[in-house]
Amino acid sequence: MSPPQRRPAIRAVSFEEVGEAVARLIVVAGSDTGQASRAADFLLAWWDGGEWGHFPVLHLCNCDAVISEDMLIVMAHLAAEPTVYADAWGYRDAMAALVEQWRPA
């Protein structure tokens, strides 16, 4: 059996596009909309799934398409690049605020 071939994910995404998607997801996750908890689940599972929980894949179809696309942009980047977290774009404090909002002790 030959090793799997690398295929481009949905589309190539730039570091800047990912940062913009993360910024939009943080805004949604910090809001009081019905999709806020889904965006927070996604971001917190990425930040530290073992500590802050998981992200049910079904959440993708339970969000507006633009929010789901932002999640997919992040996932496409993660599939193509070494491990990176939201603090690579300067969002460490915003992620800590989401932990406080959605996973209070």
PDB file of N, CA and C in Angstrom:
ATOM      1  N   MET A   1       0.847  -1.178   0.000  1.00  0.00           N
ATOM      2  CA  MET A   1       0.000   0.000   0.000  1.00  0.00           C
ATOM      3  C   MET A   1       0.892   1.241   0.000  1.00  0.00           C
ATOM      4  N   SER A   2       0.606   2.145  -0.879  1.00  0.00           N
ATOM      5  CA  SER A   2       1.396   3.371  -0.957  1.00  0.00           C
ATOM      6  C   SER A   2       0.863   4.398   0.047  1.00  0.00           C
ATOM      7  N   PRO A   3       1.714   5.314   0.481  1.00  0.00           N
ATOM      8  CA  PRO A   3       1.258   6.327   1.437  1.00  0.00           C
ATOM      9  C   PRO A   3       0.219   7.235   0.784  1.00  0.00           C
ATOM     10  N   PRO A   4      -0.667   7.788   1.589  1.00  0.00           N
ATOM     11  CA  PRO A   4      -1.684   8.685   1.023  1.00  0.00           C
ATOM     12  C   PRO A   4      -1.043   9.910   0.387  1.00  0.00           C
ATOM     13  N   GLN A   5      -1.626  10.359  -0.680  1.00  0.00           N
ATOM     14  CA  GLN A   5      -1.148  11.546  -1.377  1.00  0.00           C
ATOM     15  C   GLN A   5      -1.734  12.786  -0.705  1.00  0.00           C
ATOM     16  N   ARG A   6      -0.924  13.820  -0.606  1.00  0.00           N
ATOM     17  CA  ARG A   6      -1.449  15.092  -0.087  1.00  0.00           C
ATOM     18  C   ARG A   6      -2.352  15.710  -1.138  1.00  0.00           C
ATOM     19  N   ARG A   7      -3.504  16.098  -0.712  1.00  0.00           N
ATOM     20  CA  ARG A   7      -4.435  16.786  -1.592  1.00  0.00           C
ATOM     21  C   ARG A   7      -4.728  18.143  -0.971  1.00  0.00           C
ATOM     22  N   PRO A   8      -4.956  19.140  -1.789  1.00  0.00           N
ATOM     23  CA  PRO A   8      -5.299  20.432  -1.188  1.00  0.00           C
ATOM     24  C   PRO A   8      -6.635  20.310  -0.463  1.00  0.00           C
ATOM     25  N   ALA A   9      -6.693  20.897   0.698  1.00  0.00           N
ATOM     26  CA  ALA A   9      -7.956  20.932   1.429  1.00  0.00           C
ATOM     27  C   ALA A   9      -8.941  21.765   0.611  1.00  0.00           C
ATOM     28  N   ILE A  10     -10.019  22.090   1.156  1.00  0.00           N
ATOM     29  CA  ILE A  10     -11.070  22.824   0.459  1.00  0.00           C
ATOM     30  C   ILE A  10     -10.469  23.861  -0.490  1.00  0.00           C
ATOM     31  N   ARG A  11      -9.555  24.639   0.016  1.00  0.00           N
ATOM     32  CA  ARG A  11      -8.793  25.586  -0.789  1.00  0.00           C
ATOM     33  C   ARG A  11      -7.627  26.043   0.064  1.00  0.00           C
ATOM     34  N   ALA A  12      -6.612  26.510  -0.573  1.00  0.00           N
ATOM     35  CA  ALA A  12      -5.477  27.044   0.174  1.00  0.00           C
ATOM     36  C   ALA A  12      -5.912  28.337   0.856  1.00  0.00           C
ATOM     37  N   VAL A  13      -5.524  28.494   2.104  1.00  0.00           N
ATOM     38  CA  VAL A  13      -5.862  29.709   2.843  1.00  0.00           C
ATOM     39  C   VAL A  13      -4.582  30.346   3.352  1.00  0.00           C
ATOM     40  N   SER A  14      -4.574  31.648   3.373  1.00  0.00           N
ATOM     41  CA  SER A  14      -3.395  32.374   3.840  1.00  0.00           C
ATOM     42  C   SER A  14      -3.473  32.573   5.353  1.00  0.00           C
ATOM     43  N   PHE A  15      -2.332  32.849   5.939  1.00  0.00           N
ATOM     44  CA  PHE A  15      -2.246  33.146   7.365  1.00  0.00           C
ATOM     45  C   PHE A  15      -3.184  34.302   7.711  1.00  0.00           C
ATOM     46  N   GLU A  16      -3.223  35.309   6.849  1.00  0.00           N
ATOM     47  CA  GLU A  16      -4.081  36.476   7.087  1.00  0.00           C
ATOM     48  C   GLU A  16      -5.555  36.103   7.050  1.00  0.00           C
ATOM     49  N   GLU A  17      -5.949  35.260   6.097  1.00  0.00           N
ATOM     50  CA  GLU A  17      -7.350  34.824   6.025  1.00  0.00           C
ATOM     51  C   GLU A  17      -7.760  34.080   7.290  1.00  0.00           C
ATOM     52  N   VAL A  18      -6.860  33.253   7.792  1.00  0.00           N
ATOM     53  CA  VAL A  18      -7.156  32.504   9.004  1.00  0.00           C
ATOM     54  C   VAL A  18      -7.314  33.464  10.176  1.00  0.00           C
ATOM     55  N   GLY A  19      -6.429  34.417  10.284  1.00  0.00           N
ATOM     56  CA  GLY A  19      -6.538  35.405  11.356  1.00  0.00           C
ATOM     57  C   GLY A  19      -7.847  36.171  11.304  1.00  0.00           C
ATOM     58  N   GLU A  20      -8.276  36.523  10.113  1.00  0.00           N
ATOM     59  CA  GLU A  20      -9.556  37.223   9.958  1.00  0.00           C
ATOM     60  C   GLU A  20     -10.719  36.313  10.357  1.00  0.00           C
ATOM     61  N   ALA A  21     -10.651  35.031   9.986  1.00  0.00           N
ATOM     62  CA  ALA A  21     -11.703  34.080  10.364  1.00  0.00           C
ATOM     63  C   ALA A  21     -11.743  33.901  11.873  1.00  0.00           C
ATOM     64  N   VAL A  22     -10.583  33.790  12.493  1.00  0.00           N
ATOM     65  CA  VAL A  22     -10.524  33.642  13.953  1.00  0.00           C
ATOM     66  C   VAL A  22     -11.128  34.876  14.617  1.00  0.00           C
ATOM     67  N   ALA A  23     -10.803  36.048  14.121  1.00  0.00           N
ATOM     68  CA  ALA A  23     -11.349  37.289  14.685  1.00  0.00           C
ATOM     69  C   ALA A  23     -12.875  37.289  14.617  1.00  0.00           C
ATOM     70  N   ARG A  24     -13.418  36.891  13.476  1.00  0.00           N
ATOM     71  CA  ARG A  24     -14.880  36.864  13.334  1.00  0.00           C
ATOM     72  C   ARG A  24     -15.498  35.827  14.280  1.00  0.00           C
ATOM     73  N   LEU A  25     -14.863  34.668  14.400  1.00  0.00           N
ATOM     74  CA  LEU A  25     -15.385  33.629  15.288  1.00  0.00           C
ATOM     75  C   LEU A  25     -15.346  34.078  16.748  1.00  0.00           C
ATOM     76  N   ILE A  26     -14.309  34.788  17.130  1.00  0.00           N
ATOM     77  CA  ILE A  26     -14.226  35.298  18.504  1.00  0.00           C
ATOM     78  C   ILE A  26     -15.355  36.277  18.785  1.00  0.00           C
ATOM     79  N   VAL A  27     -15.663  37.119  17.821  1.00  0.00           N
ATOM     80  CA  VAL A  27     -16.778  38.065  17.989  1.00  0.00           C
ATOM     81  C   VAL A  27     -18.085  37.299  18.165  1.00  0.00           C
ATOM     82  N   VAL A  28     -18.322  36.310  17.320  1.00  0.00           N
ATOM     83  CA  VAL A  28     -19.556  35.511  17.436  1.00  0.00           C
ATOM     84  C   VAL A  28     -19.589  34.797  18.776  1.00  0.00           C
ATOM     85  N   ALA A  29     -18.478  34.159  19.149  1.00  0.00           N
ATOM     86  CA  ALA A  29     -18.430  33.395  20.398  1.00  0.00           C
ATOM     87  C   ALA A  29     -18.646  34.275  21.625  1.00  0.00           C
ATOM     88  N   GLY A  30     -18.266  35.522  21.539  1.00  0.00           N
ATOM     89  CA  GLY A  30     -18.439  36.439  22.658  1.00  0.00           C
ATOM     90  C   GLY A  30     -19.801  37.107  22.709  1.00  0.00           C
ATOM     91  N   SER A  31     -20.637  36.809  21.734  1.00  0.00           N
ATOM     92  CA  SER A  31     -21.952  37.454  21.656  1.00  0.00           C
ATOM     93  C   SER A  31     -23.010  36.648  22.396  1.00  0.00           C
ATOM     94  N   ASP A  32     -24.242  37.119  22.286  1.00  0.00           N
ATOM     95  CA  ASP A  32     -25.351  36.393  22.909  1.00  0.00           C
ATOM     96  C   ASP A  32     -26.291  35.806  21.858  1.00  0.00           C
ATOM     97  N   THR A  33     -25.761  35.504  20.685  1.00  0.00           N
ATOM     98  CA  THR A  33     -26.570  34.898  19.633  1.00  0.00           C
ATOM     99  C   THR A  33     -26.704  33.401  19.880  1.00  0.00           C
ATOM    100  N   GLY A  34     -27.610  32.762  19.171  1.00  0.00           N
ATOM    101  CA  GLY A  34     -27.804  31.331  19.298  1.00  0.00           C
ATOM    102  C   GLY A  34     -26.622  30.515  18.824  1.00  0.00           C
ATOM    103  N   GLN A  35     -25.788  31.099  17.996  1.00  0.00           N
ATOM    104  CA  GLN A  35     -24.635  30.379  17.462  1.00  0.00           C
ATOM    105  C   GLN A  35     -23.369  30.622  18.273  1.00  0.00           C
ATOM    106  N   ALA A  36     -23.454  31.472  19.268  1.00  0.00           N
ATOM    107  CA  ALA A  36     -22.276  31.821  20.062  1.00  0.00           C
ATOM    108  C   ALA A  36     -21.661  30.598  20.728  1.00  0.00           C
ATOM    109  N   SER A  37     -22.481  29.734  21.291  1.00  0.00           N
ATOM    110  CA  SER A  37     -21.933  28.565  21.986  1.00  0.00           C
ATOM    111  C   SER A  37     -21.240  27.616  21.019  1.00  0.00           C
ATOM    112  N   ARG A  38     -21.739  27.513  19.795  1.00  0.00           N
ATOM    113  CA  ARG A  38     -21.102  26.645  18.799  1.00  0.00           C
ATOM    114  C   ARG A  38     -19.735  27.205  18.380  1.00  0.00           C
ATOM    115  N   ALA A  39     -19.683  28.506  18.168  1.00  0.00           N
ATOM    116  CA  ALA A  39     -18.409  29.131  17.827  1.00  0.00           C
ATOM    117  C   ALA A  39     -17.429  28.990  18.993  1.00  0.00           C
ATOM    118  N   ALA A  40     -17.919  29.170  20.211  1.00  0.00           N
ATOM    119  CA  ALA A  40     -17.061  29.009  21.387  1.00  0.00           C
ATOM    120  C   ALA A  40     -16.593  27.567  21.509  1.00  0.00           C
ATOM    121  N   ASP A  41     -17.476  26.603  21.299  1.00  0.00           N
ATOM    122  CA  ASP A  41     -17.060  25.190  21.348  1.00  0.00           C
ATOM    123  C   ASP A  41     -15.933  24.919  20.361  1.00  0.00           C
ATOM    124  N   PHE A  42     -16.063  25.454  19.159  1.00  0.00           N
ATOM    125  CA  PHE A  42     -15.029  25.258  18.145  1.00  0.00           C
ATOM    126  C   PHE A  42     -13.699  25.850  18.596  1.00  0.00           C
ATOM    127  N   LEU A  43     -13.730  27.112  18.988  1.00  0.00           N
ATOM    128  CA  LEU A  43     -12.493  27.782  19.374  1.00  0.00           C
ATOM    129  C   LEU A  43     -11.852  27.143  20.605  1.00  0.00           C
ATOM    130  N   LEU A  44     -12.666  26.791  21.588  1.00  0.00           N
ATOM    131  CA  LEU A  44     -12.110  26.223  22.815  1.00  0.00           C
ATOM    132  C   LEU A  44     -11.619  24.799  22.613  1.00  0.00           C
ATOM    133  N   ALA A  45     -12.267  24.041  21.743  1.00  0.00           N
ATOM    134  CA  ALA A  45     -11.772  22.694  21.429  1.00  0.00           C
ATOM    135  C   ALA A  45     -10.424  22.790  20.731  1.00  0.00           C
ATOM    136  N   TRP A  46     -10.252  23.778  19.879  1.00  0.00           N
ATOM    137  CA  TRP A  46      -8.972  24.007  19.209  1.00  0.00           C
ATOM    138  C   TRP A  46      -7.927  24.462  20.233  1.00  0.00           C
ATOM    139  N   TRP A  47      -8.314  25.369  21.113  1.00  0.00           N
ATOM    140  CA  TRP A  47      -7.389  25.925  22.105  1.00  0.00           C
ATOM    141  C   TRP A  47      -6.857  24.838  23.033  1.00  0.00           C
ATOM    142  N   ASP A  48      -7.764  24.004  23.577  1.00  0.00           N
ATOM    143  CA  ASP A  48      -7.360  22.894  24.450  1.00  0.00           C
ATOM    144  C   ASP A  48      -8.562  21.987  24.663  1.00  0.00           C
ATOM    145  N   GLY A  49      -8.793  21.105  23.699  1.00  0.00           N
ATOM    146  CA  GLY A  49      -9.955  20.224  23.752  1.00  0.00           C
ATOM    147  C   GLY A  49      -9.997  19.342  24.982  1.00  0.00           C
ATOM    148  N   GLY A  50      -8.857  18.888  25.463  1.00  0.00           N
ATOM    149  CA  GLY A  50      -8.830  18.050  26.651  1.00  0.00           C
ATOM    150  C   GLY A  50      -9.321  18.779  27.882  1.00  0.00           C
ATOM    151  N   GLU A  51      -9.073  20.062  27.934  1.00  0.00           N
ATOM    152  CA  GLU A  51      -9.472  20.869  29.084  1.00  0.00           C
ATOM    153  C   GLU A  51     -10.841  21.524  28.899  1.00  0.00           C
ATOM    154  N   TRP A  52     -11.112  22.034  27.698  1.00  0.00           N
ATOM    155  CA  TRP A  52     -12.298  22.862  27.490  1.00  0.00           C
ATOM    156  C   TRP A  52     -13.392  22.190  26.678  1.00  0.00           C
ATOM    157  N   GLY A  53     -13.242  20.930  26.310  1.00  0.00           N
ATOM    158  CA  GLY A  53     -14.308  20.194  25.637  1.00  0.00           C
ATOM    159  C   GLY A  53     -14.065  19.977  24.166  1.00  0.00           C
ATOM    160  N   HIS A  54     -15.035  19.339  23.566  1.00  0.00           N
ATOM    161  CA  HIS A  54     -14.898  18.969  22.161  1.00  0.00           C
ATOM    162  C   HIS A  54     -15.847  19.803  21.295  1.00  0.00           C
ATOM    163  N   PHE A  55     -15.704  19.619  20.004  1.00  0.00           N
ATOM    164  CA  PHE A  55     -16.541  20.314  19.026  1.00  0.00           C
ATOM    165  C   PHE A  55     -17.277  19.268  18.196  1.00  0.00           C
ATOM    166  N   PRO A  56     -18.588  19.100  18.419  1.00  0.00           N
ATOM    167  CA  PRO A  56     -19.340  18.160  17.591  1.00  0.00           C
ATOM    168  C   PRO A  56     -19.365  18.633  16.133  1.00  0.00           C
ATOM    169  N   VAL A  57     -18.986  17.768  15.224  1.00  0.00           N
ATOM    170  CA  VAL A  57     -18.938  18.127  13.811  1.00  0.00           C
ATOM    171  C   VAL A  57     -20.306  18.600  13.319  1.00  0.00           C
ATOM    172  N   LEU A  58     -21.361  18.083  13.885  1.00  0.00           N
ATOM    173  CA  LEU A  58     -22.706  18.492  13.483  1.00  0.00           C
ATOM    174  C   LEU A  58     -22.941  19.992  13.700  1.00  0.00           C
ATOM    175  N   HIS A  59     -22.152  20.609  14.573  1.00  0.00           N
ATOM    176  CA  HIS A  59     -22.275  22.059  14.765  1.00  0.00           C
ATOM    177  C   HIS A  59     -22.059  22.825  13.457  1.00  0.00           C
ATOM    178  N   LEU A  60     -21.277  22.250  12.539  1.00  0.00           N
ATOM    179  CA  LEU A  60     -21.032  22.943  11.269  1.00  0.00           C
ATOM    180  C   LEU A  60     -22.319  23.219  10.512  1.00  0.00           C
ATOM    181  N   CYS A  61     -23.245  22.268  10.537  1.00  0.00           N
ATOM    182  CA  CYS A  61     -24.493  22.489   9.791  1.00  0.00           C
ATOM    183  C   CYS A  61     -25.549  23.181  10.640  1.00  0.00           C
ATOM    184  N   ASN A  62     -25.226  23.465  11.890  1.00  0.00           N
ATOM    185  CA  ASN A  62     -26.151  24.176  12.766  1.00  0.00           C
ATOM    186  C   ASN A  62     -25.761  25.632  12.959  1.00  0.00           C
ATOM    187  N   CYS A  63     -24.882  26.105  12.097  1.00  0.00           N
ATOM    188  CA  CYS A  63     -24.468  27.509  12.095  1.00  0.00           C
ATOM    189  C   CYS A  63     -24.780  28.108  10.732  1.00  0.00           C
ATOM    190  N   ASP A  64     -24.826  29.424  10.694  1.00  0.00           N
ATOM    191  CA  ASP A  64     -24.928  30.091   9.400  1.00  0.00           C
ATOM    192  C   ASP A  64     -23.733  29.671   8.552  1.00  0.00           C
ATOM    193  N   ALA A  65     -23.929  29.647   7.246  1.00  0.00           N
ATOM    194  CA  ALA A  65     -22.874  29.201   6.337  1.00  0.00           C
ATOM    195  C   ALA A  65     -21.590  30.006   6.486  1.00  0.00           C
ATOM    196  N   VAL A  66     -21.686  31.308   6.725  1.00  0.00           N
ATOM    197  CA  VAL A  66     -20.473  32.120   6.832  1.00  0.00           C
ATOM    198  C   VAL A  66     -19.688  31.782   8.092  1.00  0.00           C
ATOM    199  N   ILE A  67     -20.378  31.437   9.159  1.00  0.00           N
ATOM    200  CA  ILE A  67     -19.692  31.038  10.394  1.00  0.00           C
ATOM    201  C   ILE A  67     -19.036  29.678  10.194  1.00  0.00           C
ATOM    202  N   SER A  68     -19.765  28.748   9.584  1.00  0.00           N
ATOM    203  CA  SER A  68     -19.186  27.434   9.299  1.00  0.00           C
ATOM    204  C   SER A  68     -17.985  27.551   8.384  1.00  0.00           C
ATOM    205  N   GLU A  69     -18.055  28.438   7.403  1.00  0.00           N
ATOM    206  CA  GLU A  69     -16.915  28.625   6.506  1.00  0.00           C
ATOM    207  C   GLU A  69     -15.705  29.140   7.263  1.00  0.00           C
ATOM    208  N   ASP A  70     -15.910  30.039   8.220  1.00  0.00           N
ATOM    209  CA  ASP A  70     -14.778  30.508   9.021  1.00  0.00           C
ATOM    210  C   ASP A  70     -14.147  29.346   9.791  1.00  0.00           C
ATOM    211  N   MET A  71     -14.970  28.451  10.317  1.00  0.00           N
ATOM    212  CA  MET A  71     -14.439  27.271  10.997  1.00  0.00           C
ATOM    213  C   MET A  71     -13.645  26.403  10.023  1.00  0.00           C
ATOM    214  N   LEU A  72     -14.169  26.240   8.818  1.00  0.00           N
ATOM    215  CA  LEU A  72     -13.483  25.439   7.807  1.00  0.00           C
ATOM    216  C   LEU A  72     -12.173  26.085   7.352  1.00  0.00           C
ATOM    217  N   ILE A  73     -12.136  27.409   7.323  1.00  0.00           N
ATOM    218  CA  ILE A  73     -10.897  28.106   6.981  1.00  0.00           C
ATOM    219  C   ILE A  73      -9.820  27.763   8.004  1.00  0.00           C
ATOM    220  N   VAL A  74     -10.189  27.800   9.274  1.00  0.00           N
ATOM    221  CA  VAL A  74      -9.233  27.441  10.322  1.00  0.00           C
ATOM    222  C   VAL A  74      -8.809  25.990  10.164  1.00  0.00           C
ATOM    223  N   MET A  75      -9.769  25.092   9.942  1.00  0.00           N
ATOM    224  CA  MET A  75      -9.439  23.670   9.800  1.00  0.00           C
ATOM    225  C   MET A  75      -8.570  23.412   8.571  1.00  0.00           C
ATOM    226  N   ALA A  76      -8.826  24.116   7.469  1.00  0.00           N
ATOM    227  CA  ALA A  76      -8.004  23.944   6.273  1.00  0.00           C
ATOM    228  C   ALA A  76      -6.563  24.348   6.566  1.00  0.00           C
ATOM    229  N   HIS A  77      -6.396  25.410   7.305  1.00  0.00           N
ATOM    230  CA  HIS A  77      -5.044  25.852   7.667  1.00  0.00           C
ATOM    231  C   HIS A  77      -4.366  24.811   8.557  1.00  0.00           C
ATOM    232  N   LEU A  78      -5.103  24.290   9.532  1.00  0.00           N
ATOM    233  CA  LEU A  78      -4.536  23.296  10.447  1.00  0.00           C
ATOM    234  C   LEU A  78      -4.165  22.011   9.713  1.00  0.00           C
ATOM    235  N   ALA A  79      -4.913  21.674   8.666  1.00  0.00           N
ATOM    236  CA  ALA A  79      -4.616  20.467   7.903  1.00  0.00           C
ATOM    237  C   ALA A  79      -3.352  20.614   7.070  1.00  0.00           C
ATOM    238  N   ALA A  80      -3.004  21.841   6.735  1.00  0.00           N
ATOM    239  CA  ALA A  80      -1.874  22.079   5.833  1.00  0.00           C
ATOM    240  C   ALA A  80      -0.611  22.564   6.539  1.00  0.00           C
ATOM    241  N   GLU A  81      -0.731  23.036   7.770  1.00  0.00           N
ATOM    242  CA  GLU A  81       0.399  23.656   8.461  1.00  0.00           C
ATOM    243  C   GLU A  81       0.675  22.954   9.789  1.00  0.00           C
ATOM    244  N   PRO A  82       1.835  23.209  10.368  1.00  0.00           N
ATOM    245  CA  PRO A  82       2.111  22.676  11.702  1.00  0.00           C
ATOM    246  C   PRO A  82       1.121  23.244  12.715  1.00  0.00           C
ATOM    247  N   THR A  83       1.069  22.619  13.857  1.00  0.00           N
ATOM    248  CA  THR A  83       0.135  23.050  14.897  1.00  0.00           C
ATOM    249  C   THR A  83       0.324  24.523  15.223  1.00  0.00           C
ATOM    250  N   VAL A  84      -0.780  25.227  15.229  1.00  0.00           N
ATOM    251  CA  VAL A  84      -0.784  26.651  15.538  1.00  0.00           C
ATOM    252  C   VAL A  84      -2.081  26.946  16.282  1.00  0.00           C
ATOM    253  N   TYR A  85      -2.041  27.910  17.153  1.00  0.00           N
ATOM    254  CA  TYR A  85      -3.211  28.275  17.947  1.00  0.00           C
ATOM    255  C   TYR A  85      -3.542  29.751  17.754  1.00  0.00           C
ATOM    256  N   ALA A  86      -4.673  30.167  18.305  1.00  0.00           N
ATOM    257  CA  ALA A  86      -5.171  31.523  18.102  1.00  0.00           C
ATOM    258  C   ALA A  86      -4.197  32.602  18.564  1.00  0.00           C
ATOM    259  N   ASP A  87      -3.318  32.283  19.502  1.00  0.00           N
ATOM    260  CA  ASP A  87      -2.375  33.297  19.941  1.00  0.00           C
ATOM    261  C   ASP A  87      -1.360  33.668  18.856  1.00  0.00           C
ATOM    262  N   ALA A  88      -1.238  32.835  17.813  1.00  0.00           N
ATOM    263  CA  ALA A  88      -0.362  33.183  16.688  1.00  0.00           C
ATOM    264  C   ALA A  88      -0.838  34.457  15.998  1.00  0.00           C
ATOM    265  N   TRP A  89      -2.112  34.769  16.152  1.00  0.00           N
ATOM    266  CA  TRP A  89      -2.691  35.988  15.576  1.00  0.00           C
ATOM    267  C   TRP A  89      -2.934  37.040  16.648  1.00  0.00           C
ATOM    268  N   GLY A  90      -2.434  36.811  17.851  1.00  0.00           N
ATOM    269  CA  GLY A  90      -2.580  37.796  18.922  1.00  0.00           C
ATOM    270  C   GLY A  90      -3.863  37.676  19.721  1.00  0.00           C
ATOM    271  N   TYR A  91      -4.492  36.508  19.730  1.00  0.00           N
ATOM    272  CA  TYR A  91      -5.781  36.361  20.393  1.00  0.00           C
ATOM    273  C   TYR A  91      -5.729  35.591  21.713  1.00  0.00           C
ATOM    274  N   ARG A  92      -4.579  35.556  22.374  1.00  0.00           N
ATOM    275  CA  ARG A  92      -4.469  34.840  23.651  1.00  0.00           C
ATOM    276  C   ARG A  92      -5.464  35.399  24.681  1.00  0.00           C
ATOM    277  N   ASP A  93      -5.512  36.716  24.830  1.00  0.00           N
ATOM    278  CA  ASP A  93      -6.422  37.317  25.812  1.00  0.00           C
ATOM    279  C   ASP A  93      -7.879  37.075  25.455  1.00  0.00           C
ATOM    280  N   ALA A  94      -8.197  37.140  24.172  1.00  0.00           N
ATOM    281  CA  ALA A  94      -9.578  36.885  23.736  1.00  0.00           C
ATOM    282  C   ALA A  94      -9.967  35.443  24.025  1.00  0.00           C
ATOM    283  N   MET A  95      -9.043  34.510  23.840  1.00  0.00           N
ATOM    284  CA  MET A  95      -9.333  33.105  24.138  1.00  0.00           C
ATOM    285  C   MET A  95      -9.517  32.912  25.634  1.00  0.00           C
ATOM    286  N   ALA A  96      -8.701  33.567  26.442  1.00  0.00           N
ATOM    287  CA  ALA A  96      -8.861  33.480  27.901  1.00  0.00           C
ATOM    288  C   ALA A  96     -10.219  34.031  28.316  1.00  0.00           C
ATOM    289  N   ALA A  97     -10.670  35.094  27.661  1.00  0.00           N
ATOM    290  CA  ALA A  97     -11.989  35.658  27.964  1.00  0.00           C
ATOM    291  C   ALA A  97     -13.097  34.674  27.604  1.00  0.00           C
ATOM    292  N   LEU A  98     -12.929  33.938  26.503  1.00  0.00           N
ATOM    293  CA  LEU A  98     -13.932  32.919  26.134  1.00  0.00           C
ATOM    294  C   LEU A  98     -13.969  31.788  27.149  1.00  0.00           C
ATOM    295  N   VAL A  99     -12.818  31.405  27.666  1.00  0.00           N
ATOM    296  CA  VAL A  99     -12.787  30.380  28.706  1.00  0.00           C
ATOM    297  C   VAL A  99     -13.595  30.877  29.914  1.00  0.00           C
ATOM    298  N   GLU A 100     -13.374  32.105  30.321  1.00  0.00           N
ATOM    299  CA  GLU A 100     -14.103  32.671  31.460  1.00  0.00           C
ATOM    300  C   GLU A 100     -15.609  32.740  31.184  1.00  0.00           C
ATOM    301  N   GLN A 101     -15.960  33.110  29.963  1.00  0.00           N
ATOM    302  CA  GLN A 101     -17.376  33.246  29.595  1.00  0.00           C
ATOM    303  C   GLN A 101     -18.070  31.908  29.507  1.00  0.00           C
ATOM    304  N   TRP A 102     -17.438  30.932  28.843  1.00  0.00           N
ATOM    305  CA  TRP A 102     -18.117  29.680  28.506  1.00  0.00           C
ATOM    306  C   TRP A 102     -17.754  28.492  29.404  1.00  0.00           C
ATOM    307  N   ARG A 103     -16.650  28.564  30.102  1.00  0.00           N
ATOM    308  CA  ARG A 103     -16.221  27.453  30.954  1.00  0.00           C
ATOM    309  C   ARG A 103     -15.838  27.958  32.336  1.00  0.00           C
ATOM    310  N   PRO A 104     -16.757  28.696  32.985  1.00  0.00           N
ATOM    311  CA  PRO A 104     -16.392  29.241  34.304  1.00  0.00           C
ATOM    312  C   PRO A 104     -16.119  28.113  35.300  1.00  0.00           C
ATOM    313  N   ALA A 105     -15.210  28.381  36.204  1.00  0.00           N
ATOM    314  CA  ALA A 105     -14.821  27.360  37.205  1.00  0.00           C
ATOM    315  C   ALA A 105     -15.918  27.082  38.200  1.00  0.00           C
TER     316      ALA A 105
END
